[in-house]
Structures are given as structure tokens and as C-alpha cells.
Amino acid sequence: GQPFISENRAGAEGRIAIDIVKAATPDGNTLLFTPIANICIYPHTQKNLPYDPLKDFLPVGMVGAFPIGLAVGPMTPAKSLAEFIAWAKANPKQAAFGTPGNGNIPHFTGILFARAAGIDLENVPYKGSQPAIADAMGGQVAAVVTTLGDFITQARAGKVRILAHASNQRSPIAPEVPTFKEQGFNIEANGWYGLFAPAG
């Protein structure tokens, strides 16, 4: 029954918003809406993190989950995951995948896939999903690994081809896209968004 304001404080991999909520009065009026990486991954992959998710925040609840997908642009000829693996083996210097940054679920999903497939894929980190997808469409990177939902518009327009996603079952937003597991790779990687309050 109360109005609320969504105040986007993007930048520094979410740290600007995190700092604001961490310093806010712990009265329940200021909450942090953030993806999994800031809470569960960055404390283990980044040095000198200026917050401790266990001490500085109180979890309120999970808002939603999202699968991670792999897509290729029109310059990469693969129409299936098997074809992409064969292409990457034949073109190792071009075998790179874009992600929305380092040390996050898409980055690790790409590494897991490359290891499982026995191919070398170089991670190219971007400042967000859309620049990575744009470069895949333009042929600057062979593939992109990011949130499945970020591909849907471009896939329906024929600008990218989604080859797989890392859920344990097909997604209702893209039921035509097979999972990694369906194609023989035991890879499951889903992210989530959650609400957190300042500690106390």
C-alpha cells in the first residue's frame, strides 16, 4: 500500500547501488535489487570488495530467476551446438565469446561449456549484454553468453541464433531452444535477482 521509487544506480558492477543501500538507514525503506553476482560470486572473485554481503545486508527474498544462453551472430555459420564446436576447433583464432563482464555467471558458463566441449574459447568482457550482442551481430565475436532473455528480440528478428541455454528444462520464453543437457553437456547455470535490506 505504499508508493515506491525505483532509482537506477548503474555502474561499477553494481557497487554504486550497493554502497547507497549499505549506508542507508536500516528502516526497511531502502532496498537493493541486485543479481546473484554481487552477492554470491564477487566476494570470491574480486579483491578488496568494499562490502560483505553476509554482514552488510539482510536478504528479503528472491524476485526471479533467469537461464544463461549461448548465441552466435550471422557471421558464425553454426546452426547447432555441435556445428559451433566443430567451427571453433577449425577456427581457433576466431573462437571468442562475449559476456557482460568478467567473473559472473555468463563468464563461468562459457568456460564450463568450452571445457566440456574440449575447445578453446576466449572470453571478451563487455560493459553489459547489449554491446556484446551487437558485436556478435557485427562479427567481432563469434558468440555471446548472457541471460537468455537478452537474446530473444534479436533471435526473433533473425540477427542471432540461440544454440543452447543452461537450465535443466526448456524455457517458456524460447521453447525451441534446447538445453546444454539435451545436447550432451551437463551444464546448468541459472542466475537470480533478489531484494536485500541494509543490515539491522
N, C-alpha and C. Protein backbone atom coordinates (compact mmCIF):
# COMPACT_ATOMS: atom_id res chain seq x y z
N GLY A 1 0.80 -1.23 0.00
CA GLY A 1 0.00 0.00 0.00
C GLY A 1 0.82 1.26 0.00
N GLN A 2 2.13 1.17 -0.17
CA GLN A 2 2.96 2.37 -0.19
C GLN A 2 3.54 2.58 -1.58
N PRO A 3 3.65 3.84 -1.98
CA PRO A 3 4.34 4.09 -3.26
C PRO A 3 5.83 3.82 -3.09
N PHE A 4 6.49 3.48 -4.20
CA PHE A 4 7.93 3.30 -4.15
C PHE A 4 8.57 3.90 -5.39
N ILE A 5 9.84 4.19 -5.28
CA ILE A 5 10.62 4.76 -6.38
C ILE A 5 11.72 3.77 -6.73
N SER A 6 11.82 3.44 -8.01
CA SER A 6 12.92 2.63 -8.49
C SER A 6 14.01 3.58 -8.95
N GLU A 7 15.10 3.60 -8.22
CA GLU A 7 16.19 4.53 -8.53
C GLU A 7 17.37 3.75 -9.08
N ASN A 8 17.57 3.82 -10.38
CA ASN A 8 18.66 3.08 -11.03
C ASN A 8 19.99 3.76 -10.73
N ARG A 9 20.87 3.00 -10.10
CA ARG A 9 22.22 3.49 -9.81
C ARG A 9 23.22 2.53 -10.44
N ALA A 10 23.29 2.56 -11.76
CA ALA A 10 24.15 1.64 -12.50
C ALA A 10 25.61 2.07 -12.39
N GLY A 11 26.48 1.13 -12.66
CA GLY A 11 27.91 1.43 -12.72
C GLY A 11 28.70 0.66 -11.69
N ALA A 12 29.97 0.48 -11.99
CA ALA A 12 30.93 -0.20 -11.10
C ALA A 12 30.43 -1.58 -10.68
N GLU A 13 29.83 -2.30 -11.64
CA GLU A 13 29.32 -3.65 -11.41
C GLU A 13 28.34 -3.70 -10.25
N GLY A 14 27.55 -2.65 -10.11
CA GLY A 14 26.52 -2.62 -9.07
C GLY A 14 26.97 -2.01 -7.76
N ARG A 15 28.23 -1.65 -7.64
CA ARG A 15 28.75 -1.18 -6.35
C ARG A 15 28.20 0.18 -5.94
N ILE A 16 27.84 1.00 -6.92
CA ILE A 16 27.28 2.31 -6.56
C ILE A 16 25.97 2.11 -5.81
N ALA A 17 25.10 1.28 -6.33
CA ALA A 17 23.83 0.99 -5.66
C ALA A 17 24.07 0.30 -4.32
N ILE A 18 25.01 -0.64 -4.30
CA ILE A 18 25.31 -1.38 -3.08
C ILE A 18 25.79 -0.44 -1.98
N ASP A 19 26.66 0.51 -2.32
CA ASP A 19 27.16 1.46 -1.33
C ASP A 19 26.04 2.31 -0.76
N ILE A 20 25.11 2.72 -1.61
CA ILE A 20 23.99 3.55 -1.15
C ILE A 20 23.11 2.77 -0.17
N VAL A 21 22.79 1.54 -0.51
CA VAL A 21 21.92 0.75 0.37
C VAL A 21 22.65 0.36 1.65
N LYS A 22 23.91 0.03 1.52
CA LYS A 22 24.71 -0.32 2.71
C LYS A 22 24.71 0.82 3.73
N ALA A 23 24.78 2.06 3.24
CA ALA A 23 24.85 3.24 4.13
C ALA A 23 23.47 3.76 4.53
N ALA A 24 22.40 3.22 3.95
CA ALA A 24 21.05 3.71 4.23
C ALA A 24 20.61 3.36 5.65
N THR A 25 19.69 4.17 6.18
CA THR A 25 19.10 3.87 7.48
C THR A 25 18.38 2.52 7.40
N PRO A 26 18.65 1.62 8.34
CA PRO A 26 18.04 0.28 8.26
C PRO A 26 16.59 0.26 8.76
N ASP A 27 15.74 0.99 8.04
CA ASP A 27 14.33 1.09 8.45
C ASP A 27 13.39 0.40 7.47
N GLY A 28 13.96 -0.31 6.46
CA GLY A 28 13.12 -1.02 5.50
C GLY A 28 12.64 -0.17 4.35
N ASN A 29 13.00 1.11 4.32
CA ASN A 29 12.55 1.99 3.24
C ASN A 29 13.48 2.02 2.05
N THR A 30 14.70 1.53 2.22
CA THR A 30 15.66 1.48 1.10
C THR A 30 16.09 0.04 0.92
N LEU A 31 15.85 -0.49 -0.27
CA LEU A 31 16.18 -1.88 -0.58
C LEU A 31 17.07 -1.95 -1.81
N LEU A 32 17.85 -2.99 -1.88
CA LEU A 32 18.73 -3.25 -3.02
C LEU A 32 18.12 -4.35 -3.88
N PHE A 33 17.99 -4.08 -5.17
CA PHE A 33 17.56 -5.09 -6.15
C PHE A 33 18.79 -5.42 -6.97
N THR A 34 19.28 -6.65 -6.86
CA THR A 34 20.57 -6.98 -7.47
C THR A 34 20.60 -8.41 -7.97
N PRO A 35 21.45 -8.69 -8.97
CA PRO A 35 21.61 -10.07 -9.42
C PRO A 35 22.56 -10.85 -8.52
N ILE A 36 22.63 -12.13 -8.78
CA ILE A 36 23.40 -13.08 -7.98
C ILE A 36 24.88 -12.72 -7.85
N ALA A 37 25.48 -12.19 -8.92
CA ALA A 37 26.93 -11.99 -8.92
C ALA A 37 27.40 -11.11 -7.77
N ASN A 38 26.69 -10.02 -7.50
CA ASN A 38 27.13 -9.10 -6.46
C ASN A 38 27.12 -9.73 -5.07
N ILE A 39 26.24 -10.68 -4.86
CA ILE A 39 26.08 -11.26 -3.53
C ILE A 39 26.85 -12.57 -3.37
N CYS A 40 26.83 -13.42 -4.39
CA CYS A 40 27.39 -14.77 -4.25
C CYS A 40 28.70 -15.02 -4.98
N ILE A 41 29.02 -14.22 -5.99
CA ILE A 41 30.20 -14.52 -6.80
C ILE A 41 31.34 -13.54 -6.53
N TYR A 42 31.07 -12.23 -6.62
CA TYR A 42 32.15 -11.25 -6.48
C TYR A 42 32.92 -11.35 -5.17
N PRO A 43 32.29 -11.73 -4.05
CA PRO A 43 33.10 -11.88 -2.83
C PRO A 43 34.20 -12.93 -2.96
N HIS A 44 34.07 -13.84 -3.93
CA HIS A 44 35.06 -14.90 -4.11
C HIS A 44 35.99 -14.65 -5.29
N THR A 45 35.67 -13.69 -6.15
CA THR A 45 36.46 -13.48 -7.36
C THR A 45 37.12 -12.11 -7.43
N GLN A 46 36.76 -11.20 -6.55
CA GLN A 46 37.32 -9.85 -6.60
C GLN A 46 37.99 -9.49 -5.28
N LYS A 47 39.15 -8.89 -5.38
CA LYS A 47 39.89 -8.47 -4.19
C LYS A 47 39.34 -7.13 -3.69
N ASN A 48 39.49 -6.92 -2.39
CA ASN A 48 39.16 -5.64 -1.76
C ASN A 48 37.73 -5.18 -2.03
N LEU A 49 36.79 -6.11 -2.00
CA LEU A 49 35.39 -5.75 -2.18
C LEU A 49 34.96 -4.88 -1.00
N PRO A 50 34.36 -3.71 -1.25
CA PRO A 50 34.05 -2.78 -0.15
C PRO A 50 32.79 -3.12 0.63
N TYR A 51 32.32 -4.35 0.53
CA TYR A 51 31.15 -4.77 1.30
C TYR A 51 31.23 -6.26 1.56
N ASP A 52 30.53 -6.69 2.60
CA ASP A 52 30.41 -8.10 2.94
C ASP A 52 28.93 -8.45 2.87
N PRO A 53 28.53 -9.23 1.87
CA PRO A 53 27.10 -9.49 1.71
C PRO A 53 26.45 -10.17 2.92
N LEU A 54 27.23 -10.93 3.68
CA LEU A 54 26.67 -11.61 4.85
C LEU A 54 26.51 -10.68 6.04
N LYS A 55 27.40 -9.69 6.16
CA LYS A 55 27.35 -8.79 7.32
C LYS A 55 26.62 -7.48 7.03
N ASP A 56 26.67 -7.02 5.78
CA ASP A 56 26.14 -5.69 5.46
C ASP A 56 24.70 -5.69 4.99
N PHE A 57 24.15 -6.87 4.66
CA PHE A 57 22.80 -6.92 4.10
C PHE A 57 21.96 -8.03 4.72
N LEU A 58 20.67 -7.80 4.71
CA LEU A 58 19.69 -8.78 5.16
C LEU A 58 18.88 -9.22 3.94
N PRO A 59 18.90 -10.50 3.58
CA PRO A 59 18.12 -10.92 2.41
C PRO A 59 16.62 -10.83 2.70
N VAL A 60 15.89 -10.27 1.74
CA VAL A 60 14.44 -10.14 1.85
C VAL A 60 13.76 -11.25 1.05
N GLY A 61 14.20 -11.47 -0.17
CA GLY A 61 13.61 -12.53 -0.97
C GLY A 61 14.12 -12.52 -2.40
N MET A 62 13.96 -13.68 -3.05
CA MET A 62 14.31 -13.79 -4.46
C MET A 62 13.12 -13.29 -5.30
N VAL A 63 13.43 -12.48 -6.29
CA VAL A 63 12.38 -11.90 -7.14
C VAL A 63 12.16 -12.72 -8.40
N GLY A 64 13.22 -13.24 -8.97
CA GLY A 64 13.09 -14.01 -10.20
C GLY A 64 14.39 -14.66 -10.58
N ALA A 65 14.30 -15.69 -11.40
CA ALA A 65 15.48 -16.41 -11.87
C ALA A 65 15.55 -16.33 -13.39
N PHE A 66 16.75 -16.53 -13.93
CA PHE A 66 16.92 -16.44 -15.38
C PHE A 66 17.98 -17.43 -15.85
N PRO A 67 17.73 -18.11 -16.97
CA PRO A 67 18.74 -19.02 -17.52
C PRO A 67 19.79 -18.25 -18.34
N ILE A 68 20.93 -18.87 -18.48
CA ILE A 68 22.02 -18.30 -19.26
C ILE A 68 22.06 -19.03 -20.60
N GLY A 69 22.18 -18.27 -21.70
CA GLY A 69 22.18 -18.86 -23.02
C GLY A 69 23.44 -18.56 -23.80
N LEU A 70 23.63 -19.32 -24.88
CA LEU A 70 24.74 -19.10 -25.81
C LEU A 70 24.14 -18.88 -27.19
N ALA A 71 24.55 -17.79 -27.83
CA ALA A 71 24.05 -17.46 -29.17
C ALA A 71 25.22 -17.08 -30.06
N VAL A 72 25.01 -17.23 -31.36
CA VAL A 72 26.00 -16.81 -32.35
C VAL A 72 25.36 -15.79 -33.29
N GLY A 73 26.20 -14.97 -33.88
CA GLY A 73 25.73 -13.99 -34.84
C GLY A 73 25.75 -14.54 -36.26
N PRO A 74 25.31 -13.76 -37.23
CA PRO A 74 25.21 -14.23 -38.62
C PRO A 74 26.56 -14.53 -39.27
N MET A 75 27.65 -14.00 -38.72
CA MET A 75 28.97 -14.25 -39.30
C MET A 75 29.53 -15.62 -38.90
N THR A 76 28.93 -16.23 -37.89
CA THR A 76 29.34 -17.57 -37.46
C THR A 76 28.36 -18.56 -38.08
N PRO A 77 28.83 -19.50 -38.90
CA PRO A 77 27.91 -20.33 -39.69
C PRO A 77 27.16 -21.40 -38.91
N ALA A 78 27.52 -21.66 -37.67
CA ALA A 78 26.93 -22.76 -36.91
C ALA A 78 25.44 -22.57 -36.67
N LYS A 79 24.70 -23.64 -36.90
CA LYS A 79 23.25 -23.62 -36.65
C LYS A 79 22.87 -24.55 -35.49
N SER A 80 23.87 -25.18 -34.89
CA SER A 80 23.64 -26.05 -33.74
C SER A 80 24.88 -26.00 -32.87
N LEU A 81 24.76 -26.51 -31.65
CA LEU A 81 25.90 -26.53 -30.74
C LEU A 81 27.02 -27.41 -31.30
N ALA A 82 26.67 -28.55 -31.88
CA ALA A 82 27.68 -29.44 -32.47
C ALA A 82 28.42 -28.74 -33.61
N GLU A 83 27.69 -28.00 -34.43
CA GLU A 83 28.34 -27.27 -35.53
C GLU A 83 29.24 -26.16 -34.99
N PHE A 84 28.82 -25.52 -33.90
CA PHE A 84 29.65 -24.47 -33.31
C PHE A 84 30.96 -25.05 -32.77
N ILE A 85 30.88 -26.20 -32.13
CA ILE A 85 32.08 -26.84 -31.61
C ILE A 85 33.04 -27.18 -32.75
N ALA A 86 32.50 -27.74 -33.82
CA ALA A 86 33.34 -28.07 -34.98
C ALA A 86 33.95 -26.81 -35.59
N TRP A 87 33.15 -25.74 -35.67
CA TRP A 87 33.66 -24.48 -36.22
C TRP A 87 34.76 -23.92 -35.34
N ALA A 88 34.57 -23.96 -34.01
CA ALA A 88 35.57 -23.41 -33.08
C ALA A 88 36.88 -24.19 -33.17
N LYS A 89 36.79 -25.50 -33.34
CA LYS A 89 38.01 -26.30 -33.49
C LYS A 89 38.74 -25.98 -34.78
N ALA A 90 37.97 -25.68 -35.83
CA ALA A 90 38.58 -25.35 -37.13
C ALA A 90 39.06 -23.92 -37.22
N ASN A 91 38.53 -23.05 -36.34
CA ASN A 91 38.86 -21.62 -36.38
C ASN A 91 39.25 -21.12 -34.99
N PRO A 92 40.31 -21.65 -34.40
CA PRO A 92 40.64 -21.32 -33.01
C PRO A 92 40.95 -19.84 -32.77
N LYS A 93 41.50 -19.15 -33.78
CA LYS A 93 41.83 -17.74 -33.59
C LYS A 93 40.58 -16.85 -33.56
N GLN A 94 39.48 -17.34 -34.09
CA GLN A 94 38.24 -16.56 -34.11
C GLN A 94 37.28 -17.00 -33.00
N ALA A 95 37.63 -18.06 -32.29
CA ALA A 95 36.72 -18.63 -31.30
C ALA A 95 36.76 -17.83 -30.00
N ALA A 96 35.89 -16.84 -29.93
CA ALA A 96 35.78 -15.99 -28.74
C ALA A 96 34.31 -15.79 -28.43
N PHE A 97 34.01 -15.60 -27.15
CA PHE A 97 32.64 -15.33 -26.76
C PHE A 97 32.58 -14.07 -25.92
N GLY A 98 31.60 -13.23 -26.20
CA GLY A 98 31.40 -12.02 -25.43
C GLY A 98 30.52 -12.29 -24.22
N THR A 99 30.78 -11.58 -23.13
CA THR A 99 29.98 -11.68 -21.91
C THR A 99 29.77 -10.28 -21.35
N PRO A 100 28.77 -10.12 -20.48
CA PRO A 100 28.56 -8.82 -19.85
C PRO A 100 29.51 -8.59 -18.67
N GLY A 101 30.80 -8.86 -18.86
CA GLY A 101 31.80 -8.62 -17.83
C GLY A 101 32.50 -9.89 -17.38
N ASN A 102 33.53 -9.71 -16.56
CA ASN A 102 34.31 -10.82 -16.03
C ASN A 102 33.76 -11.29 -14.68
N GLY A 103 33.99 -12.54 -14.38
CA GLY A 103 33.69 -13.06 -13.05
C GLY A 103 32.22 -13.15 -12.72
N ASN A 104 31.38 -13.41 -13.73
CA ASN A 104 29.95 -13.53 -13.47
C ASN A 104 29.45 -14.86 -14.04
N ILE A 105 28.16 -15.13 -13.85
CA ILE A 105 27.60 -16.41 -14.29
C ILE A 105 27.81 -16.64 -15.80
N PRO A 106 27.54 -15.66 -16.70
CA PRO A 106 27.80 -15.92 -18.12
C PRO A 106 29.26 -16.27 -18.41
N HIS A 107 30.18 -15.56 -17.78
CA HIS A 107 31.61 -15.83 -17.97
C HIS A 107 31.92 -17.28 -17.59
N PHE A 108 31.47 -17.71 -16.40
CA PHE A 108 31.75 -19.06 -15.94
C PHE A 108 31.02 -20.11 -16.77
N THR A 109 29.83 -19.79 -17.24
CA THR A 109 29.08 -20.73 -18.10
C THR A 109 29.84 -20.97 -19.40
N GLY A 110 30.38 -19.90 -19.99
CA GLY A 110 31.17 -20.05 -21.21
C GLY A 110 32.40 -20.91 -20.99
N ILE A 111 33.06 -20.73 -19.84
CA ILE A 111 34.24 -21.54 -19.52
C ILE A 111 33.86 -23.01 -19.33
N LEU A 112 32.76 -23.25 -18.61
CA LEU A 112 32.29 -24.63 -18.39
C LEU A 112 31.99 -25.31 -19.72
N PHE A 113 31.32 -24.59 -20.61
CA PHE A 113 31.00 -25.17 -21.91
C PHE A 113 32.27 -25.48 -22.71
N ALA A 114 33.21 -24.53 -22.75
CA ALA A 114 34.44 -24.73 -23.52
C ALA A 114 35.19 -25.95 -23.01
N ARG A 115 35.29 -26.09 -21.69
CA ARG A 115 35.99 -27.25 -21.12
C ARG A 115 35.27 -28.55 -21.45
N ALA A 116 33.96 -28.53 -21.30
CA ALA A 116 33.18 -29.75 -21.57
C ALA A 116 33.26 -30.16 -23.04
N ALA A 117 33.33 -29.16 -23.93
CA ALA A 117 33.37 -29.44 -25.37
C ALA A 117 34.78 -29.69 -25.88
N GLY A 118 35.79 -29.44 -25.05
CA GLY A 118 37.17 -29.64 -25.47
C GLY A 118 37.64 -28.61 -26.48
N ILE A 119 37.16 -27.37 -26.34
CA ILE A 119 37.56 -26.31 -27.27
C ILE A 119 38.13 -25.13 -26.48
N ASP A 120 38.94 -24.33 -27.16
CA ASP A 120 39.46 -23.10 -26.57
C ASP A 120 38.56 -21.95 -26.98
N LEU A 121 37.95 -21.30 -26.01
CA LEU A 121 37.14 -20.12 -26.27
C LEU A 121 37.67 -18.99 -25.40
N GLU A 122 37.95 -17.87 -26.02
CA GLU A 122 38.44 -16.71 -25.27
C GLU A 122 37.25 -15.85 -24.84
N ASN A 123 37.23 -15.48 -23.55
CA ASN A 123 36.20 -14.59 -23.05
C ASN A 123 36.56 -13.15 -23.39
N VAL A 124 35.59 -12.42 -23.95
CA VAL A 124 35.76 -11.00 -24.23
C VAL A 124 34.71 -10.26 -23.38
N PRO A 125 35.15 -9.64 -22.28
CA PRO A 125 34.18 -8.98 -21.39
C PRO A 125 33.74 -7.62 -21.93
N TYR A 126 32.44 -7.37 -21.83
CA TYR A 126 31.85 -6.09 -22.26
C TYR A 126 31.21 -5.41 -21.06
N LYS A 127 30.83 -4.18 -21.25
CA LYS A 127 30.10 -3.45 -20.20
C LYS A 127 28.61 -3.65 -20.43
N GLY A 128 28.15 -4.87 -20.22
CA GLY A 128 26.74 -5.18 -20.39
C GLY A 128 26.51 -6.15 -21.54
N SER A 129 25.29 -6.71 -21.56
CA SER A 129 24.94 -7.70 -22.58
C SER A 129 24.78 -7.11 -23.97
N GLN A 130 24.13 -5.95 -24.07
CA GLN A 130 23.80 -5.42 -25.39
C GLN A 130 25.01 -5.10 -26.25
N PRO A 131 26.09 -4.52 -25.71
CA PRO A 131 27.28 -4.33 -26.55
C PRO A 131 27.88 -5.65 -27.04
N ALA A 132 27.83 -6.68 -26.18
CA ALA A 132 28.35 -8.00 -26.60
C ALA A 132 27.50 -8.59 -27.71
N ILE A 133 26.18 -8.48 -27.58
CA ILE A 133 25.28 -8.99 -28.61
C ILE A 133 25.47 -8.23 -29.91
N ALA A 134 25.63 -6.92 -29.82
CA ALA A 134 25.85 -6.09 -31.02
C ALA A 134 27.12 -6.52 -31.75
N ASP A 135 28.18 -6.82 -31.00
CA ASP A 135 29.42 -7.25 -31.64
C ASP A 135 29.30 -8.65 -32.24
N ALA A 136 28.49 -9.51 -31.65
CA ALA A 136 28.24 -10.82 -32.27
C ALA A 136 27.48 -10.64 -33.58
N MET A 137 26.50 -9.73 -33.59
CA MET A 137 25.75 -9.47 -34.82
C MET A 137 26.66 -8.88 -35.89
N GLY A 138 27.66 -8.11 -35.46
CA GLY A 138 28.59 -7.49 -36.41
C GLY A 138 29.79 -8.34 -36.76
N GLY A 139 29.92 -9.51 -36.12
CA GLY A 139 31.03 -10.41 -36.44
C GLY A 139 32.31 -10.15 -35.68
N GLN A 140 32.30 -9.25 -34.69
CA GLN A 140 33.52 -9.00 -33.92
C GLN A 140 33.82 -10.14 -32.94
N VAL A 141 32.78 -10.81 -32.45
CA VAL A 141 32.97 -12.02 -31.64
C VAL A 141 32.09 -13.12 -32.23
N ALA A 142 32.53 -14.35 -32.06
CA ALA A 142 31.80 -15.48 -32.66
C ALA A 142 30.50 -15.78 -31.94
N ALA A 143 30.50 -15.60 -30.62
CA ALA A 143 29.34 -15.99 -29.82
C ALA A 143 29.18 -15.05 -28.65
N VAL A 144 28.05 -15.17 -27.99
CA VAL A 144 27.76 -14.41 -26.77
C VAL A 144 27.14 -15.36 -25.76
N VAL A 145 27.56 -15.22 -24.52
CA VAL A 145 26.95 -15.96 -23.42
C VAL A 145 26.40 -14.93 -22.44
N THR A 146 25.09 -14.93 -22.27
CA THR A 146 24.46 -13.99 -21.34
C THR A 146 23.06 -14.49 -21.02
N THR A 147 22.30 -13.67 -20.36
CA THR A 147 20.94 -14.03 -19.97
C THR A 147 20.11 -14.36 -21.20
N LEU A 148 19.41 -15.47 -21.17
CA LEU A 148 18.62 -15.91 -22.32
C LEU A 148 17.66 -14.83 -22.81
N GLY A 149 17.00 -14.16 -21.90
CA GLY A 149 16.04 -13.13 -22.27
C GLY A 149 16.64 -11.98 -23.07
N ASP A 150 17.95 -11.74 -22.90
CA ASP A 150 18.60 -10.65 -23.64
C ASP A 150 18.71 -10.92 -25.13
N PHE A 151 18.59 -12.20 -25.53
CA PHE A 151 18.70 -12.57 -26.94
C PHE A 151 17.38 -12.58 -27.70
N ILE A 152 16.28 -12.66 -27.00
CA ILE A 152 15.00 -13.02 -27.62
C ILE A 152 14.63 -12.11 -28.79
N THR A 153 14.69 -10.80 -28.59
CA THR A 153 14.30 -9.86 -29.64
C THR A 153 15.16 -10.04 -30.89
N GLN A 154 16.49 -10.12 -30.69
CA GLN A 154 17.40 -10.29 -31.84
C GLN A 154 17.22 -11.65 -32.50
N ALA A 155 16.93 -12.69 -31.71
CA ALA A 155 16.73 -14.02 -32.29
C ALA A 155 15.47 -14.05 -33.14
N ARG A 156 14.41 -13.43 -32.67
CA ARG A 156 13.16 -13.42 -33.44
C ARG A 156 13.29 -12.59 -34.71
N ALA A 157 14.23 -11.63 -34.69
CA ALA A 157 14.49 -10.82 -35.88
C ALA A 157 15.51 -11.49 -36.81
N GLY A 158 16.01 -12.67 -36.44
CA GLY A 158 16.98 -13.38 -37.27
C GLY A 158 18.38 -12.83 -37.21
N LYS A 159 18.68 -12.02 -36.18
CA LYS A 159 20.00 -11.40 -36.09
C LYS A 159 21.00 -12.23 -35.29
N VAL A 160 20.51 -13.12 -34.44
CA VAL A 160 21.36 -14.09 -33.74
C VAL A 160 20.64 -15.43 -33.73
N ARG A 161 21.42 -16.50 -33.50
CA ARG A 161 20.85 -17.84 -33.36
C ARG A 161 21.22 -18.36 -31.97
N ILE A 162 20.21 -18.63 -31.16
CA ILE A 162 20.46 -19.17 -29.83
C ILE A 162 20.66 -20.68 -29.97
N LEU A 163 21.82 -21.17 -29.55
CA LEU A 163 22.16 -22.58 -29.74
C LEU A 163 21.85 -23.43 -28.51
N ALA A 164 21.86 -22.83 -27.33
CA ALA A 164 21.62 -23.60 -26.11
C ALA A 164 21.40 -22.65 -24.94
N HIS A 165 20.80 -23.19 -23.88
CA HIS A 165 20.78 -22.46 -22.62
C HIS A 165 21.00 -23.45 -21.48
N ALA A 166 21.35 -22.91 -20.32
CA ALA A 166 21.87 -23.73 -19.23
C ALA A 166 20.87 -24.04 -18.14
N SER A 167 19.59 -24.10 -18.47
CA SER A 167 18.59 -24.54 -17.50
C SER A 167 18.47 -26.06 -17.55
N ASN A 168 17.72 -26.61 -16.59
CA ASN A 168 17.53 -28.06 -16.60
C ASN A 168 16.33 -28.48 -17.44
N GLN A 169 15.57 -27.50 -17.96
CA GLN A 169 14.47 -27.78 -18.87
C GLN A 169 14.29 -26.60 -19.82
N ARG A 170 13.57 -26.81 -20.89
CA ARG A 170 13.38 -25.74 -21.88
C ARG A 170 12.64 -24.56 -21.27
N SER A 171 12.94 -23.39 -21.78
CA SER A 171 12.36 -22.16 -21.24
C SER A 171 11.06 -21.81 -21.94
N PRO A 172 10.05 -21.34 -21.20
CA PRO A 172 8.80 -20.92 -21.84
C PRO A 172 8.97 -19.71 -22.76
N ILE A 173 10.04 -18.93 -22.56
CA ILE A 173 10.23 -17.76 -23.44
C ILE A 173 10.92 -18.14 -24.74
N ALA A 174 11.52 -19.33 -24.79
CA ALA A 174 12.18 -19.80 -26.03
C ALA A 174 12.12 -21.33 -26.06
N PRO A 175 10.91 -21.89 -26.19
CA PRO A 175 10.76 -23.35 -26.11
C PRO A 175 11.46 -24.10 -27.23
N GLU A 176 11.81 -23.41 -28.31
CA GLU A 176 12.50 -24.07 -29.43
C GLU A 176 13.99 -24.26 -29.17
N VAL A 177 14.52 -23.63 -28.14
CA VAL A 177 15.96 -23.69 -27.87
C VAL A 177 16.27 -24.84 -26.92
N PRO A 178 17.11 -25.78 -27.34
CA PRO A 178 17.45 -26.91 -26.47
C PRO A 178 18.41 -26.49 -25.35
N THR A 179 18.40 -27.25 -24.28
CA THR A 179 19.33 -27.01 -23.18
C THR A 179 20.69 -27.62 -23.52
N PHE A 180 21.71 -27.23 -22.76
CA PHE A 180 23.02 -27.88 -22.90
C PHE A 180 22.88 -29.37 -22.58
N LYS A 181 22.10 -29.68 -21.55
CA LYS A 181 21.95 -31.08 -21.13
C LYS A 181 21.34 -31.93 -22.24
N GLU A 182 20.37 -31.39 -22.95
CA GLU A 182 19.76 -32.13 -24.06
C GLU A 182 20.79 -32.46 -25.14
N GLN A 183 21.84 -31.65 -25.21
CA GLN A 183 22.85 -31.82 -26.26
C GLN A 183 24.11 -32.49 -25.75
N GLY A 184 23.99 -33.12 -24.56
CA GLY A 184 25.08 -33.94 -24.07
C GLY A 184 26.06 -33.28 -23.13
N PHE A 185 25.76 -32.06 -22.65
CA PHE A 185 26.67 -31.36 -21.75
C PHE A 185 25.98 -31.10 -20.42
N ASN A 186 26.55 -31.61 -19.36
CA ASN A 186 25.94 -31.50 -18.03
C ASN A 186 26.25 -30.12 -17.43
N ILE A 187 25.66 -29.11 -18.04
CA ILE A 187 25.88 -27.73 -17.61
C ILE A 187 24.55 -27.12 -17.21
N GLU A 188 24.50 -26.65 -15.97
CA GLU A 188 23.31 -25.94 -15.50
C GLU A 188 23.77 -24.67 -14.82
N ALA A 189 23.30 -23.53 -15.29
CA ALA A 189 23.69 -22.25 -14.73
C ALA A 189 22.54 -21.27 -14.85
N ASN A 190 21.95 -20.97 -13.72
CA ASN A 190 20.86 -20.00 -13.68
C ASN A 190 21.24 -18.88 -12.73
N GLY A 191 20.84 -17.70 -13.06
CA GLY A 191 21.05 -16.58 -12.18
C GLY A 191 19.74 -16.20 -11.51
N TRP A 192 19.82 -15.25 -10.60
CA TRP A 192 18.60 -14.76 -9.96
C TRP A 192 18.76 -13.29 -9.59
N TYR A 193 17.65 -12.66 -9.37
CA TYR A 193 17.60 -11.30 -8.81
C TYR A 193 16.95 -11.38 -7.44
N GLY A 194 17.49 -10.63 -6.50
CA GLY A 194 16.94 -10.63 -5.16
C GLY A 194 16.85 -9.24 -4.57
N LEU A 195 16.06 -9.13 -3.51
CA LEU A 195 15.92 -7.89 -2.75
C LEU A 195 16.68 -8.05 -1.43
N PHE A 196 17.42 -7.01 -1.08
CA PHE A 196 18.20 -7.01 0.16
C PHE A 196 18.00 -5.67 0.88
N ALA A 197 17.98 -5.75 2.21
CA ALA A 197 17.87 -4.55 3.04
C ALA A 197 19.21 -4.31 3.73
N PRO A 198 19.47 -3.09 4.18
CA PRO A 198 20.68 -2.88 4.96
C PRO A 198 20.62 -3.73 6.25
N ALA A 199 21.76 -4.20 6.70
CA ALA A 199 21.80 -4.99 7.92
C ALA A 199 21.17 -4.22 9.07
N GLY A 200 20.44 -4.92 9.89
CA GLY A 200 19.81 -4.27 11.04
C GLY A 200 18.39 -3.84 10.79
